[in-house]
Amino acid sequence: MADGDGACFQGWRRDGRPRFAAFNATKGGLRLLVQSLAREFGPQGLHIAHTIIDGGIEGERLLSRMPDRKERAGADGLLNIEAIADSYWHLHTQHRSAWTHEIDLRPYKEPF
């Protein structure tokens, strides 16, 4: 494998939510799988990362299905697509002496 190779797995919020038990369990399993893959393949130069997208993404798909979602969310209430892309690019271009294993992306107004 060449330096710069990598894989990114997308998860969901780290805290469990009511009515999502099965989904939460699978995403928790994904997080553990990604940690194992990072430990196995990291020494070979493969950057493995887990990204968490915790919020609505301000894009055509969401806004076409929920036209009032942006207004209800208010300023900084949705994730900006370009900001997400910048975060993924940062993961891709990181120096291997300081690789990020997990990144949690959420809107500024998201309550924890």
PDB file of N, CA and C in Angstrom:
ATOM      1  N   MET A   1       0.826  -1.182   0.000  1.00  0.00           N
ATOM      2  CA  MET A   1       0.000   0.000   0.000  1.00  0.00           C
ATOM      3  C   MET A   1       0.869   1.243   0.000  1.00  0.00           C
ATOM      4  N   ALA A   2       0.444   2.225  -0.726  1.00  0.00           N
ATOM      5  CA  ALA A   2       1.182   3.488  -0.787  1.00  0.00           C
ATOM      6  C   ALA A   2       0.719   4.416   0.320  1.00  0.00           C
ATOM      7  N   ASP A   3       1.651   5.243   0.799  1.00  0.00           N
ATOM      8  CA  ASP A   3       1.228   6.264   1.765  1.00  0.00           C
ATOM      9  C   ASP A   3       0.154   7.124   1.117  1.00  0.00           C
ATOM     10  N   GLY A   4      -0.811   7.516   1.889  1.00  0.00           N
ATOM     11  CA  GLY A   4      -1.921   8.308   1.366  1.00  0.00           C
ATOM     12  C   GLY A   4      -3.152   7.462   1.105  1.00  0.00           C
ATOM     13  N   ASP A   5      -2.973   6.128   1.136  1.00  0.00           N
ATOM     14  CA  ASP A   5      -4.134   5.259   0.993  1.00  0.00           C
ATOM     15  C   ASP A   5      -4.940   5.306   2.278  1.00  0.00           C
ATOM     16  N   GLY A   6      -6.217   5.114   2.153  1.00  0.00           N
ATOM     17  CA  GLY A   6      -7.035   5.122   3.355  1.00  0.00           C
ATOM     18  C   GLY A   6      -8.451   4.690   3.077  1.00  0.00           C
ATOM     19  N   ALA A   7      -9.186   4.567   4.158  1.00  0.00           N
ATOM     20  CA  ALA A   7     -10.598   4.217   4.084  1.00  0.00           C
ATOM     21  C   ALA A   7     -11.318   4.982   5.176  1.00  0.00           C
ATOM     22  N   CYS A   8     -12.503   5.451   4.855  1.00  0.00           N
ATOM     23  CA  CYS A   8     -13.287   6.224   5.814  1.00  0.00           C
ATOM     24  C   CYS A   8     -14.663   5.581   5.927  1.00  0.00           C
ATOM     25  N   PHE A   9     -15.082   5.321   7.149  1.00  0.00           N
ATOM     26  CA  PHE A   9     -16.378   4.715   7.413  1.00  0.00           C
ATOM     27  C   PHE A   9     -17.246   5.737   8.126  1.00  0.00           C
ATOM     28  N   GLN A  10     -18.467   5.862   7.682  1.00  0.00           N
ATOM     29  CA  GLN A  10     -19.361   6.869   8.264  1.00  0.00           C
ATOM     30  C   GLN A  10     -20.295   6.235   9.279  1.00  0.00           C
ATOM     31  N   GLY A  11     -20.284   6.806  10.473  1.00  0.00           N
ATOM     32  CA  GLY A  11     -21.147   6.336  11.547  1.00  0.00           C
ATOM     33  C   GLY A  11     -22.281   7.305  11.808  1.00  0.00           C
ATOM     34  N   TRP A  12     -22.814   7.182  12.983  1.00  0.00           N
ATOM     35  CA  TRP A  12     -23.922   8.017  13.427  1.00  0.00           C
ATOM     36  C   TRP A  12     -23.634   8.405  14.857  1.00  0.00           C
ATOM     37  N   ARG A  13     -24.442   9.213  15.448  1.00  0.00           N
ATOM     38  CA  ARG A  13     -24.199   9.728  16.792  1.00  0.00           C
ATOM     39  C   ARG A  13     -23.704   8.643  17.751  1.00  0.00           C
ATOM     40  N   ARG A  14     -22.907   9.082  18.702  1.00  0.00           N
ATOM     41  CA  ARG A  14     -22.334   8.128  19.644  1.00  0.00           C
ATOM     42  C   ARG A  14     -23.275   7.777  20.786  1.00  0.00           C
ATOM     43  N   ASP A  15     -24.253   8.604  21.041  1.00  0.00           N
ATOM     44  CA  ASP A  15     -25.181   8.306  22.130  1.00  0.00           C
ATOM     45  C   ASP A  15     -26.407   7.603  21.571  1.00  0.00           C
ATOM     46  N   GLY A  16     -26.956   6.693  22.331  1.00  0.00           N
ATOM     47  CA  GLY A  16     -28.145   5.984  21.898  1.00  0.00           C
ATOM     48  C   GLY A  16     -29.366   6.890  21.927  1.00  0.00           C
ATOM     49  N   ARG A  17     -30.274   6.663  21.024  1.00  0.00           N
ATOM     50  CA  ARG A  17     -31.511   7.438  20.957  1.00  0.00           C
ATOM     51  C   ARG A  17     -32.702   6.489  21.035  1.00  0.00           C
ATOM     52  N   PRO A  18     -33.784   6.935  21.663  1.00  0.00           N
ATOM     53  CA  PRO A  18     -34.986   6.099  21.716  1.00  0.00           C
ATOM     54  C   PRO A  18     -35.456   5.730  20.302  1.00  0.00           C
ATOM     55  N   ARG A  19     -36.002   4.553  20.172  1.00  0.00           N
ATOM     56  CA  ARG A  19     -36.575   4.027  18.925  1.00  0.00           C
ATOM     57  C   ARG A  19     -35.527   3.676  17.876  1.00  0.00           C
ATOM     58  N   PHE A  20     -34.245   3.738  18.208  1.00  0.00           N
ATOM     59  CA  PHE A  20     -33.184   3.419  17.247  1.00  0.00           C
ATOM     60  C   PHE A  20     -32.255   2.335  17.780  1.00  0.00           C
ATOM     61  N   ALA A  21     -32.732   1.468  18.639  1.00  0.00           N
ATOM     62  CA  ALA A  21     -31.876   0.486  19.300  1.00  0.00           C
ATOM     63  C   ALA A  21     -31.084  -0.368  18.299  1.00  0.00           C
ATOM     64  N   ALA A  22     -31.755  -0.947  17.319  1.00  0.00           N
ATOM     65  CA  ALA A  22     -31.052  -1.812  16.369  1.00  0.00           C
ATOM     66  C   ALA A  22     -30.046  -1.020  15.546  1.00  0.00           C
ATOM     67  N   PHE A  23     -30.433   0.154  15.112  1.00  0.00           N
ATOM     68  CA  PHE A  23     -29.534   1.001  14.323  1.00  0.00           C
ATOM     69  C   PHE A  23     -28.330   1.426  15.156  1.00  0.00           C
ATOM     70  N   ASN A  24     -28.579   1.832  16.419  1.00  0.00           N
ATOM     71  CA  ASN A  24     -27.486   2.229  17.296  1.00  0.00           C
ATOM     72  C   ASN A  24     -26.503   1.079  17.512  1.00  0.00           C
ATOM     73  N   ALA A  25     -27.027  -0.130  17.659  1.00  0.00           N
ATOM     74  CA  ALA A  25     -26.161  -1.293  17.875  1.00  0.00           C
ATOM     75  C   ALA A  25     -25.260  -1.539  16.670  1.00  0.00           C
ATOM     76  N   THR A  26     -25.804  -1.422  15.467  1.00  0.00           N
ATOM     77  CA  THR A  26     -24.978  -1.659  14.279  1.00  0.00           C
ATOM     78  C   THR A  26     -23.912  -0.583  14.123  1.00  0.00           C
ATOM     79  N   LYS A  27     -24.253   0.663  14.414  1.00  0.00           N
ATOM     80  CA  LYS A  27     -23.266   1.742  14.289  1.00  0.00           C
ATOM     81  C   LYS A  27     -22.194   1.631  15.370  1.00  0.00           C
ATOM     82  N   GLY A  28     -22.566   1.153  16.559  1.00  0.00           N
ATOM     83  CA  GLY A  28     -21.564   0.891  17.589  1.00  0.00           C
ATOM     84  C   GLY A  28     -20.607  -0.203  17.154  1.00  0.00           C
ATOM     85  N   GLY A  29     -21.156  -1.228  16.518  1.00  0.00           N
ATOM     86  CA  GLY A  29     -20.323  -2.301  15.979  1.00  0.00           C
ATOM     87  C   GLY A  29     -19.391  -1.796  14.886  1.00  0.00           C
ATOM     88  N   LEU A  30     -19.889  -0.902  14.044  1.00  0.00           N
ATOM     89  CA  LEU A  30     -19.054  -0.316  12.990  1.00  0.00           C
ATOM     90  C   LEU A  30     -17.870   0.434  13.601  1.00  0.00           C
ATOM     91  N   ARG A  31     -18.137   1.191  14.656  1.00  0.00           N
ATOM     92  CA  ARG A  31     -17.078   1.956  15.313  1.00  0.00           C
ATOM     93  C   ARG A  31     -15.980   1.019  15.827  1.00  0.00           C
ATOM     94  N   LEU A  32     -16.358  -0.089  16.441  1.00  0.00           N
ATOM     95  CA  LEU A  32     -15.369  -1.051  16.930  1.00  0.00           C
ATOM     96  C   LEU A  32     -14.623  -1.715  15.780  1.00  0.00           C
ATOM     97  N   LEU A  33     -15.328  -2.020  14.704  1.00  0.00           N
ATOM     98  CA  LEU A  33     -14.676  -2.603  13.530  1.00  0.00           C
ATOM     99  C   LEU A  33     -13.620  -1.650  12.975  1.00  0.00           C
ATOM    100  N   VAL A  34     -13.964  -0.360  12.876  1.00  0.00           N
ATOM    101  CA  VAL A  34     -13.031   0.628  12.338  1.00  0.00           C
ATOM    102  C   VAL A  34     -11.797   0.737  13.244  1.00  0.00           C
ATOM    103  N   GLN A  35     -11.997   0.689  14.561  1.00  0.00           N
ATOM    104  CA  GLN A  35     -10.852   0.724  15.468  1.00  0.00           C
ATOM    105  C   GLN A  35      -9.941  -0.475  15.230  1.00  0.00           C
ATOM    106  N   SER A  36     -10.527  -1.638  15.057  1.00  0.00           N
ATOM    107  CA  SER A  36      -9.733  -2.845  14.795  1.00  0.00           C
ATOM    108  C   SER A  36      -8.984  -2.751  13.470  1.00  0.00           C
ATOM    109  N   LEU A  37      -9.674  -2.270  12.439  1.00  0.00           N
ATOM    110  CA  LEU A  37      -9.030  -2.118  11.129  1.00  0.00           C
ATOM    111  C   LEU A  37      -7.884  -1.115  11.196  1.00  0.00           C
ATOM    112  N   ALA A  38      -8.072  -0.035  11.952  1.00  0.00           N
ATOM    113  CA  ALA A  38      -7.017   0.978  12.085  1.00  0.00           C
ATOM    114  C   ALA A  38      -5.782   0.376  12.750  1.00  0.00           C
ATOM    115  N   ARG A  39      -5.995  -0.438  13.755  1.00  0.00           N
ATOM    116  CA  ARG A  39      -4.860  -1.064  14.443  1.00  0.00           C
ATOM    117  C   ARG A  39      -4.173  -2.117  13.572  1.00  0.00           C
ATOM    118  N   GLU A  40      -4.946  -2.797  12.767  1.00  0.00           N
ATOM    119  CA  GLU A  40      -4.382  -3.837  11.906  1.00  0.00           C
ATOM    120  C   GLU A  40      -3.643  -3.258  10.705  1.00  0.00           C
ATOM    121  N   PHE A  41      -4.244  -2.262  10.052  1.00  0.00           N
ATOM    122  CA  PHE A  41      -3.687  -1.772   8.795  1.00  0.00           C
ATOM    123  C   PHE A  41      -2.919  -0.459   8.907  1.00  0.00           C
ATOM    124  N   GLY A  42      -3.076   0.258  10.018  1.00  0.00           N
ATOM    125  CA  GLY A  42      -2.320   1.495  10.214  1.00  0.00           C
ATOM    126  C   GLY A  42      -0.824   1.309  10.078  1.00  0.00           C
ATOM    127  N   PRO A  43      -0.242   0.269  10.706  1.00  0.00           N
ATOM    128  CA  PRO A  43       1.200   0.054  10.579  1.00  0.00           C
ATOM    129  C   PRO A  43       1.674  -0.222   9.138  1.00  0.00           C
ATOM    130  N   GLN A  44       0.725  -0.557   8.265  1.00  0.00           N
ATOM    131  CA  GLN A  44       1.065  -0.784   6.859  1.00  0.00           C
ATOM    132  C   GLN A  44       0.884   0.486   6.021  1.00  0.00           C
ATOM    133  N   GLY A  45       0.546   1.591   6.678  1.00  0.00           N
ATOM    134  CA  GLY A  45       0.413   2.859   5.961  1.00  0.00           C
ATOM    135  C   GLY A  45      -0.993   3.181   5.495  1.00  0.00           C
ATOM    136  N   LEU A  46      -1.976   2.426   5.946  1.00  0.00           N
ATOM    137  CA  LEU A  46      -3.356   2.668   5.542  1.00  0.00           C
ATOM    138  C   LEU A  46      -4.067   3.440   6.640  1.00  0.00           C
ATOM    139  N   HIS A  47      -4.526   4.628   6.320  1.00  0.00           N
ATOM    140  CA  HIS A  47      -5.228   5.483   7.283  1.00  0.00           C
ATOM    141  C   HIS A  47      -6.696   5.091   7.301  1.00  0.00           C
ATOM    142  N   ILE A  48      -7.150   4.590   8.430  1.00  0.00           N
ATOM    143  CA  ILE A  48      -8.543   4.186   8.607  1.00  0.00           C
ATOM    144  C   ILE A  48      -9.185   5.187   9.554  1.00  0.00           C
ATOM    145  N   ALA A  49     -10.315   5.750   9.172  1.00  0.00           N
ATOM    146  CA  ALA A  49     -10.974   6.748  10.005  1.00  0.00           C
ATOM    147  C   ALA A  49     -12.471   6.480  10.090  1.00  0.00           C
ATOM    148  N   HIS A  50     -13.048   6.916  11.188  1.00  0.00           N
ATOM    149  CA  HIS A  50     -14.475   6.808  11.436  1.00  0.00           C
ATOM    150  C   HIS A  50     -15.021   8.228  11.530  1.00  0.00           C
ATOM    151  N   THR A  51     -15.988   8.550  10.711  1.00  0.00           N
ATOM    152  CA  THR A  51     -16.597   9.879  10.762  1.00  0.00           C
ATOM    153  C   THR A  51     -18.030   9.752  11.258  1.00  0.00           C
ATOM    154  N   ILE A  52     -18.414  10.695  12.078  1.00  0.00           N
ATOM    155  CA  ILE A  52     -19.774  10.733  12.596  1.00  0.00           C
ATOM    156  C   ILE A  52     -20.428  12.000  12.043  1.00  0.00           C
ATOM    157  N   ILE A  53     -21.514  11.822  11.343  1.00  0.00           N
ATOM    158  CA  ILE A  53     -22.299  12.947  10.834  1.00  0.00           C
ATOM    159  C   ILE A  53     -23.526  13.030  11.731  1.00  0.00           C
ATOM    160  N   ASP A  54     -23.564  14.036  12.585  1.00  0.00           N
ATOM    161  CA  ASP A  54     -24.630  14.139  13.569  1.00  0.00           C
ATOM    162  C   ASP A  54     -25.453  15.399  13.327  1.00  0.00           C
ATOM    163  N   GLY A  55     -26.296  15.328  12.323  1.00  0.00           N
ATOM    164  CA  GLY A  55     -27.162  16.458  12.022  1.00  0.00           C
ATOM    165  C   GLY A  55     -27.603  16.428  10.575  1.00  0.00           C
ATOM    166  N   GLY A  56     -28.539  17.281  10.269  1.00  0.00           N
ATOM    167  CA  GLY A  56     -29.022  17.398   8.906  1.00  0.00           C
ATOM    168  C   GLY A  56     -27.980  18.069   8.013  1.00  0.00           C
ATOM    169  N   ILE A  57     -27.894  17.607   6.794  1.00  0.00           N
ATOM    170  CA  ILE A  57     -26.959  18.165   5.826  1.00  0.00           C
ATOM    171  C   ILE A  57     -27.731  19.084   4.886  1.00  0.00           C
ATOM    172  N   GLU A  58     -27.285  20.319   4.813  1.00  0.00           N
ATOM    173  CA  GLU A  58     -27.961  21.319   3.987  1.00  0.00           C
ATOM    174  C   GLU A  58     -27.668  21.045   2.514  1.00  0.00           C
ATOM    175  N   GLY A  59     -28.482  20.185   1.943  1.00  0.00           N
ATOM    176  CA  GLY A  59     -28.300  19.804   0.548  1.00  0.00           C
ATOM    177  C   GLY A  59     -29.633  19.543  -0.122  1.00  0.00           C
ATOM    178  N   GLU A  60     -29.566  19.265  -1.393  1.00  0.00           N
ATOM    179  CA  GLU A  60     -30.773  19.077  -2.197  1.00  0.00           C
ATOM    180  C   GLU A  60     -31.656  17.952  -1.663  1.00  0.00           C
ATOM    181  N   ARG A  61     -31.064  16.854  -1.255  1.00  0.00           N
ATOM    182  CA  ARG A  61     -31.848  15.706  -0.799  1.00  0.00           C
ATOM    183  C   ARG A  61     -32.713  16.074   0.411  1.00  0.00           C
ATOM    184  N   LEU A  62     -32.111  16.669   1.430  1.00  0.00           N
ATOM    185  CA  LEU A  62     -32.865  17.035   2.630  1.00  0.00           C
ATOM    186  C   LEU A  62     -33.876  18.134   2.339  1.00  0.00           C
ATOM    187  N   LEU A  63     -33.423  19.178   1.654  1.00  0.00           N
ATOM    188  CA  LEU A  63     -34.291  20.340   1.447  1.00  0.00           C
ATOM    189  C   LEU A  63     -35.434  20.067   0.469  1.00  0.00           C
ATOM    190  N   SER A  64     -35.251  19.120  -0.454  1.00  0.00           N
ATOM    191  CA  SER A  64     -36.351  18.790  -1.365  1.00  0.00           C
ATOM    192  C   SER A  64     -37.426  17.972  -0.644  1.00  0.00           C
ATOM    193  N   ARG A  65     -37.029  17.211   0.357  1.00  0.00           N
ATOM    194  CA  ARG A  65     -37.983  16.399   1.116  1.00  0.00           C
ATOM    195  C   ARG A  65     -38.614  17.169   2.276  1.00  0.00           C
ATOM    196  N   MET A  66     -37.864  18.130   2.789  1.00  0.00           N
ATOM    197  CA  MET A  66     -38.322  18.912   3.938  1.00  0.00           C
ATOM    198  C   MET A  66     -38.025  20.385   3.670  1.00  0.00           C
ATOM    199  N   PRO A  67     -38.817  21.034   2.809  1.00  0.00           N
ATOM    200  CA  PRO A  67     -38.520  22.400   2.374  1.00  0.00           C
ATOM    201  C   PRO A  67     -38.380  23.420   3.504  1.00  0.00           C
ATOM    202  N   ASP A  68     -39.050  23.190   4.625  1.00  0.00           N
ATOM    203  CA  ASP A  68     -38.966  24.149   5.733  1.00  0.00           C
ATOM    204  C   ASP A  68     -37.868  23.819   6.736  1.00  0.00           C
ATOM    205  N   ARG A  69     -37.108  22.757   6.499  1.00  0.00           N
ATOM    206  CA  ARG A  69     -36.097  22.295   7.461  1.00  0.00           C
ATOM    207  C   ARG A  69     -35.029  23.352   7.741  1.00  0.00           C
ATOM    208  N   LYS A  70     -34.559  24.040   6.710  1.00  0.00           N
ATOM    209  CA  LYS A  70     -33.522  25.055   6.900  1.00  0.00           C
ATOM    210  C   LYS A  70     -34.040  26.206   7.759  1.00  0.00           C
ATOM    211  N   GLU A  71     -35.257  26.624   7.487  1.00  0.00           N
ATOM    212  CA  GLU A  71     -35.847  27.718   8.273  1.00  0.00           C
ATOM    213  C   GLU A  71     -36.045  27.293   9.727  1.00  0.00           C
ATOM    214  N   ARG A  72     -36.529  26.059   9.938  1.00  0.00           N
ATOM    215  CA  ARG A  72     -36.743  25.570  11.304  1.00  0.00           C
ATOM    216  C   ARG A  72     -35.421  25.417  12.059  1.00  0.00           C
ATOM    217  N   ALA A  73     -34.378  24.998  11.351  1.00  0.00           N
ATOM    218  CA  ALA A  73     -33.072  24.799  11.990  1.00  0.00           C
ATOM    219  C   ALA A  73     -32.418  26.138  12.327  1.00  0.00           C
ATOM    220  N   GLY A  74     -32.695  27.145  11.533  1.00  0.00           N
ATOM    221  CA  GLY A  74     -32.112  28.463  11.774  1.00  0.00           C
ATOM    222  C   GLY A  74     -30.661  28.532  11.299  1.00  0.00           C
ATOM    223  N   ALA A  75     -30.067  29.682  11.505  1.00  0.00           N
ATOM    224  CA  ALA A  75     -28.669  29.889  11.099  1.00  0.00           C
ATOM    225  C   ALA A  75     -27.768  28.896  11.835  1.00  0.00           C
ATOM    226  N   ASP A  76     -26.884  28.260  11.106  1.00  0.00           N
ATOM    227  CA  ASP A  76     -25.929  27.283  11.654  1.00  0.00           C
ATOM    228  C   ASP A  76     -26.605  26.061  12.254  1.00  0.00           C
ATOM    229  N   GLY A  77     -27.821  25.760  11.803  1.00  0.00           N
ATOM    230  CA  GLY A  77     -28.543  24.605  12.322  1.00  0.00           C
ATOM    231  C   GLY A  77     -28.404  23.351  11.481  1.00  0.00           C
ATOM    232  N   LEU A  78     -27.813  23.473  10.294  1.00  0.00           N
ATOM    233  CA  LEU A  78     -27.566  22.329   9.417  1.00  0.00           C
ATOM    234  C   LEU A  78     -26.091  22.296   9.055  1.00  0.00           C
ATOM    235  N   LEU A  79     -25.619  21.123   8.691  1.00  0.00           N
ATOM    236  CA  LEU A  79     -24.234  20.970   8.263  1.00  0.00           C
ATOM    237  C   LEU A  79     -24.071  21.465   6.829  1.00  0.00           C
ATOM    238  N   ASN A  80     -23.066  22.261   6.595  1.00  0.00           N
ATOM    239  CA  ASN A  80     -22.748  22.785   5.271  1.00  0.00           C
ATOM    240  C   ASN A  80     -21.964  21.727   4.499  1.00  0.00           C
ATOM    241  N   ILE A  81     -22.382  21.435   3.279  1.00  0.00           N
ATOM    242  CA  ILE A  81     -21.749  20.385   2.473  1.00  0.00           C
ATOM    243  C   ILE A  81     -20.265  20.667   2.246  1.00  0.00           C
ATOM    244  N   GLU A  82     -19.923  21.896   1.936  1.00  0.00           N
ATOM    245  CA  GLU A  82     -18.514  22.220   1.691  1.00  0.00           C
ATOM    246  C   GLU A  82     -17.679  22.058   2.961  1.00  0.00           C
ATOM    247  N   ALA A  83     -18.243  22.382   4.107  1.00  0.00           N
ATOM    248  CA  ALA A  83     -17.520  22.207   5.372  1.00  0.00           C
ATOM    249  C   ALA A  83     -17.269  20.719   5.646  1.00  0.00           C
ATOM    250  N   ILE A  84     -18.254  19.877   5.316  1.00  0.00           N
ATOM    251  CA  ILE A  84     -18.069  18.431   5.461  1.00  0.00           C
ATOM    252  C   ILE A  84     -16.951  17.960   4.533  1.00  0.00           C
ATOM    253  N   ALA A  85     -16.997  18.411   3.282  1.00  0.00           N
ATOM    254  CA  ALA A  85     -15.960  18.033   2.309  1.00  0.00           C
ATOM    255  C   ALA A  85     -14.577  18.472   2.788  1.00  0.00           C
ATOM    256  N   ASP A  86     -14.477  19.662   3.359  1.00  0.00           N
ATOM    257  CA  ASP A  86     -13.192  20.135   3.897  1.00  0.00           C
ATOM    258  C   ASP A  86     -12.686  19.206   4.995  1.00  0.00           C
ATOM    259  N   SER A  87     -13.587  18.741   5.851  1.00  0.00           N
ATOM    260  CA  SER A  87     -13.183  17.839   6.935  1.00  0.00           C
ATOM    261  C   SER A  87     -12.689  16.505   6.382  1.00  0.00           C
ATOM    262  N   TYR A  88     -13.374  15.979   5.381  1.00  0.00           N
ATOM    263  CA  TYR A  88     -12.930  14.733   4.765  1.00  0.00           C
ATOM    264  C   TYR A  88     -11.584  14.928   4.053  1.00  0.00           C
ATOM    265  N   TRP A  89     -11.415  16.050   3.399  1.00  0.00           N
ATOM    266  CA  TRP A  89     -10.142  16.332   2.725  1.00  0.00           C
ATOM    267  C   TRP A  89      -9.008  16.414   3.740  1.00  0.00           C
ATOM    268  N   HIS A  90      -9.290  17.048   4.873  1.00  0.00           N
ATOM    269  CA  HIS A  90      -8.290  17.136   5.932  1.00  0.00           C
ATOM    270  C   HIS A  90      -7.874  15.735   6.388  1.00  0.00           C
ATOM    271  N   LEU A  91      -8.838  14.839   6.574  1.00  0.00           N
ATOM    272  CA  LEU A  91      -8.506  13.455   6.936  1.00  0.00           C
ATOM    273  C   LEU A  91      -7.600  12.823   5.884  1.00  0.00           C
ATOM    274  N   HIS A  92      -7.946  13.030   4.628  1.00  0.00           N
ATOM    275  CA  HIS A  92      -7.204  12.418   3.526  1.00  0.00           C
ATOM    276  C   HIS A  92      -5.765  12.922   3.433  1.00  0.00           C
ATOM    277  N   THR A  93      -5.546  14.180   3.766  1.00  0.00           N
ATOM    278  CA  THR A  93      -4.225  14.770   3.561  1.00  0.00           C
ATOM    279  C   THR A  93      -3.387  14.849   4.840  1.00  0.00           C
ATOM    280  N   GLN A  94      -3.861  14.283   5.935  1.00  0.00           N
ATOM    281  CA  GLN A  94      -3.119  14.355   7.185  1.00  0.00           C
ATOM    282  C   GLN A  94      -1.774  13.650   7.094  1.00  0.00           C
ATOM    283  N   HIS A  95      -0.804  14.227   7.773  1.00  0.00           N
ATOM    284  CA  HIS A  95       0.490  13.563   7.909  1.00  0.00           C
ATOM    285  C   HIS A  95       0.305  12.363   8.828  1.00  0.00           C
ATOM    286  N   ARG A  96       0.937  11.263   8.510  1.00  0.00           N
ATOM    287  CA  ARG A  96       0.685  10.044   9.277  1.00  0.00           C
ATOM    288  C   ARG A  96       1.212  10.094  10.709  1.00  0.00           C
ATOM    289  N   SER A  97       2.010  11.095  11.039  1.00  0.00           N
ATOM    290  CA  SER A  97       2.459  11.217  12.428  1.00  0.00           C
ATOM    291  C   SER A  97       1.343  11.743  13.337  1.00  0.00           C
ATOM    292  N   ALA A  98       0.251  12.199  12.733  1.00  0.00           N
ATOM    293  CA  ALA A  98      -0.855  12.749  13.529  1.00  0.00           C
ATOM    294  C   ALA A  98      -2.204  12.403  12.904  1.00  0.00           C
ATOM    295  N   TRP A  99      -2.391  11.143  12.572  1.00  0.00           N
ATOM    296  CA  TRP A  99      -3.651  10.715  11.985  1.00  0.00           C
ATOM    297  C   TRP A  99      -4.799  10.833  12.978  1.00  0.00           C
ATOM    298  N   THR A 100      -5.934  11.262  12.471  1.00  0.00           N
ATOM    299  CA  THR A 100      -7.163  11.275  13.240  1.00  0.00           C
ATOM    300  C   THR A 100      -7.857   9.942  13.017  1.00  0.00           C
ATOM    301  N   HIS A 101      -8.290   9.338  14.110  1.00  0.00           N
ATOM    302  CA  HIS A 101      -9.035   8.085  13.968  1.00  0.00           C
ATOM    303  C   HIS A 101     -10.537   8.356  13.847  1.00  0.00           C
ATOM    304  N   GLU A 102     -11.016   9.348  14.582  1.00  0.00           N
ATOM    305  CA  GLU A 102     -12.455   9.600  14.573  1.00  0.00           C
ATOM    306  C   GLU A 102     -12.717  11.093  14.566  1.00  0.00           C
ATOM    307  N   ILE A 103     -13.693  11.485  13.761  1.00  0.00           N
ATOM    308  CA  ILE A 103     -14.091  12.886  13.707  1.00  0.00           C
ATOM    309  C   ILE A 103     -15.611  12.949  13.816  1.00  0.00           C
ATOM    310  N   ASP A 104     -16.081  13.878  14.604  1.00  0.00           N
ATOM    311  CA  ASP A 104     -17.503  14.020  14.900  1.00  0.00           C
ATOM    312  C   ASP A 104     -17.958  15.369  14.341  1.00  0.00           C
ATOM    313  N   LEU A 105     -18.759  15.340  13.287  1.00  0.00           N
ATOM    314  CA  LEU A 105     -19.232  16.564  12.642  1.00  0.00           C
ATOM    315  C   LEU A 105     -20.677  16.813  13.028  1.00  0.00           C
ATOM    316  N   ARG A 106     -20.950  18.022  13.508  1.00  0.00           N
ATOM    317  CA  ARG A 106     -22.305  18.378  13.907  1.00  0.00           C
ATOM    318  C   ARG A 106     -22.495  19.867  13.693  1.00  0.00           C
ATOM    319  N   PRO A 107     -23.743  20.305  13.495  1.00  0.00           N
ATOM    320  CA  PRO A 107     -23.984  21.733  13.328  1.00  0.00           C
ATOM    321  C   PRO A 107     -23.635  22.494  14.609  1.00  0.00           C
ATOM    322  N   TYR A 108     -23.298  23.736  14.440  1.00  0.00           N
ATOM    323  CA  TYR A 108     -22.953  24.612  15.551  1.00  0.00           C
ATOM    324  C   TYR A 108     -24.054  24.619  16.615  1.00  0.00           C
ATOM    325  N   LYS A 109     -25.296  24.620  16.187  1.00  0.00           N
ATOM    326  CA  LYS A 109     -26.428  24.715  17.117  1.00  0.00           C
ATOM    327  C   LYS A 109     -26.903  23.381  17.678  1.00  0.00           C
ATOM    328  N   GLU A 110     -26.264  22.299  17.303  1.00  0.00           N
ATOM    329  CA  GLU A 110     -26.698  20.974  17.773  1.00  0.00           C
ATOM    330  C   GLU A 110     -26.550  20.859  19.289  1.00  0.00           C
ATOM    331  N   PRO A 111     -27.631  20.535  19.992  1.00  0.00           N
ATOM    332  CA  PRO A 111     -27.504  20.339  21.443  1.00  0.00           C
ATOM    333  C   PRO A 111     -26.850  18.983  21.730  1.00  0.00           C
ATOM    334  N   PHE A 112     -26.001  18.954  22.712  1.00  0.00           N
ATOM    335  CA  PHE A 112     -25.341  17.683  23.067  1.00  0.00           C
ATOM    336  C   PHE A 112     -26.193  16.937  24.056  1.00  0.00           C
TER     337      PHE A 112
END
